[in-house]
C-alpha atoms as a PDB file:
ATOM      1  CA  MET A   1       0.020   0.050   0.082  1.00  0.00           C
ATOM      2  CA  ALA A   2       1.329   3.522  -0.815  1.00  0.00           C
ATOM      3  CA  VAL A   3       2.595   5.490   2.392  1.00  0.00           C
ATOM      4  CA  PRO A   4       3.709   8.901   2.156  1.00  0.00           C
ATOM      5  CA  LYS A   5       7.455   9.405   2.903  1.00  0.00           C
ATOM      6  CA  LYS A   6       7.176  12.876   4.237  1.00  0.00           C
ATOM      7  CA  ARG A   7       4.748  14.584   6.218  1.00  0.00           C
ATOM      8  CA  THR A   8       2.657  16.747   4.169  1.00  0.00           C
ATOM      9  CA  SER A   9       3.003  20.616   5.272  1.00  0.00           C
ATOM     10  CA  LYS A  10      -0.016  22.540   6.254  1.00  0.00           C
ATOM     11  CA  SER A  11       0.541  24.864   3.379  1.00  0.00           C
ATOM     12  CA  LYS A  12       0.189  21.899   0.839  1.00  0.00           C
ATOM     13  CA  ARG A  13      -2.535  20.476   2.858  1.00  0.00           C
ATOM     14  CA  ASP A  14      -4.602  23.725   2.888  1.00  0.00           C
ATOM     15  CA  MET A  15      -3.783  24.450  -0.788  1.00  0.00           C
ATOM     16  CA  ARG A  16      -5.448  20.826  -1.781  1.00  0.00           C
ATOM     17  CA  ARG A  17      -8.450  21.847   0.257  1.00  0.00           C
ATOM     18  CA  THR A  18      -9.214  25.334  -1.254  1.00  0.00           C
ATOM     19  CA  HIS A  19     -11.873  23.990  -3.528  1.00  0.00           C
ATOM     20  CA  ASP A  20     -13.616  22.228  -0.665  1.00  0.00           C
ATOM     21  CA  ASN A  21     -15.555  24.969   0.466  1.00  0.00           C
ATOM     22  CA  VAL A  22     -19.371  25.570   0.078  1.00  0.00           C
ATOM     23  CA  LYS A  23     -20.467  28.331  -2.232  1.00  0.00           C
ATOM     24  CA  MET A  24     -23.815  30.311  -1.797  1.00  0.00           C
ATOM     25  CA  PRO A  25     -26.400  30.078  -4.499  1.00  0.00           C
ATOM     26  CA  ASN A  26     -26.656  33.026  -6.622  1.00  0.00           C
ATOM     27  CA  VAL A  27     -29.847  34.791  -5.519  1.00  0.00           C
ATOM     28  CA  SER A  28     -31.426  37.805  -7.238  1.00  0.00           C
ATOM     29  CA  ARG A  29     -35.065  39.567  -7.061  1.00  0.00           C
ATOM     30  CA  CYS A  30     -38.012  38.513  -9.559  1.00  0.00           C
ATOM     31  CA  PRO A  31     -38.570  41.747 -11.776  1.00  0.00           C
ATOM     32  CA  GLN A  32     -42.373  40.945 -11.350  1.00  0.00           C
ATOM     33  CA  CYS A  33     -43.123  40.041  -7.721  1.00  0.00           C
ATOM     34  CA  HIS A  34     -39.774  40.937  -5.999  1.00  0.00           C
ATOM     35  CA  GLU A  35     -39.444  37.662  -4.397  1.00  0.00           C
ATOM     36  CA  PRO A  36     -36.024  35.898  -4.206  1.00  0.00           C
ATOM     37  CA  VAL A  37     -35.297  33.533  -6.969  1.00  0.00           C
ATOM     38  CA  LEU A  38     -32.248  31.521  -8.312  1.00  0.00           C
ATOM     39  CA  SER A  39     -30.766  32.815 -11.574  1.00  0.00           C
ATOM     40  CA  HIS A  40     -31.885  31.128 -14.693  1.00  0.00           C
ATOM     41  CA  HIS A  41     -34.854  29.560 -12.851  1.00  0.00           C
ATOM     42  CA  VAL A  42     -38.532  30.274 -13.016  1.00  0.00           C
ATOM     43  CA  CYS A  43     -39.936  32.205 -10.105  1.00  0.00           C
ATOM     44  CA  PRO A  44     -41.757  29.737  -7.703  1.00  0.00           C
ATOM     45  CA  SER A  45     -44.066  32.399  -6.342  1.00  0.00           C
ATOM     46  CA  CYS A  46     -45.346  34.011  -9.784  1.00  0.00           C
ATOM     47  CA  GLY A  47     -44.290  31.503 -12.466  1.00  0.00           C
ATOM     48  CA  SER A  48     -42.434  34.035 -14.788  1.00  0.00           C
ATOM     49  CA  TYR A  49     -39.180  33.852 -16.655  1.00  0.00           C
ATOM     50  CA  ARG A  50     -37.511  36.621 -18.298  1.00  0.00           C
ATOM     51  CA  GLY A  51     -40.598  38.829 -18.174  1.00  0.00           C
ATOM     52  CA  ARG A  52     -43.021  36.137 -19.540  1.00  0.00           C
ATOM     53  CA  LYS A  53     -45.421  33.878 -17.841  1.00  0.00           C
ATOM     54  CA  VAL A  54     -44.153  30.345 -18.210  1.00  0.00           C
ATOM     55  CA  ILE A  55     -46.472  28.449 -15.621  1.00  0.00           C
ATOM     56  CA  GLN A  56     -49.617  29.131 -14.204  1.00  0.00           C
ATOM     57  CA  LYS A  57     -49.763  29.636 -10.243  1.00  0.00           C
ATOM     58  CA  GLU A  58     -53.067  29.228  -8.447  1.00  0.00           C
ATOM     59  CA  GLU A  59     -53.984  32.183  -6.102  1.00  0.00           C
ATOM     60  CA  ALA A  60     -54.897  30.902  -2.794  1.00  0.00           C
END
């Protein structure tokens, strides 16, 4: 089995882990209803995408 010959330094270990972080989703506001919505997704509250009605939402 492969075993490291030398101890990995803190610098090398941390450089390897730079991409292991969690990124926040890119959230913007819907131009119609001003609710938070993910970029490039249909608005879950009003059903519009890029200024057009894509899905019909029932009013409760």
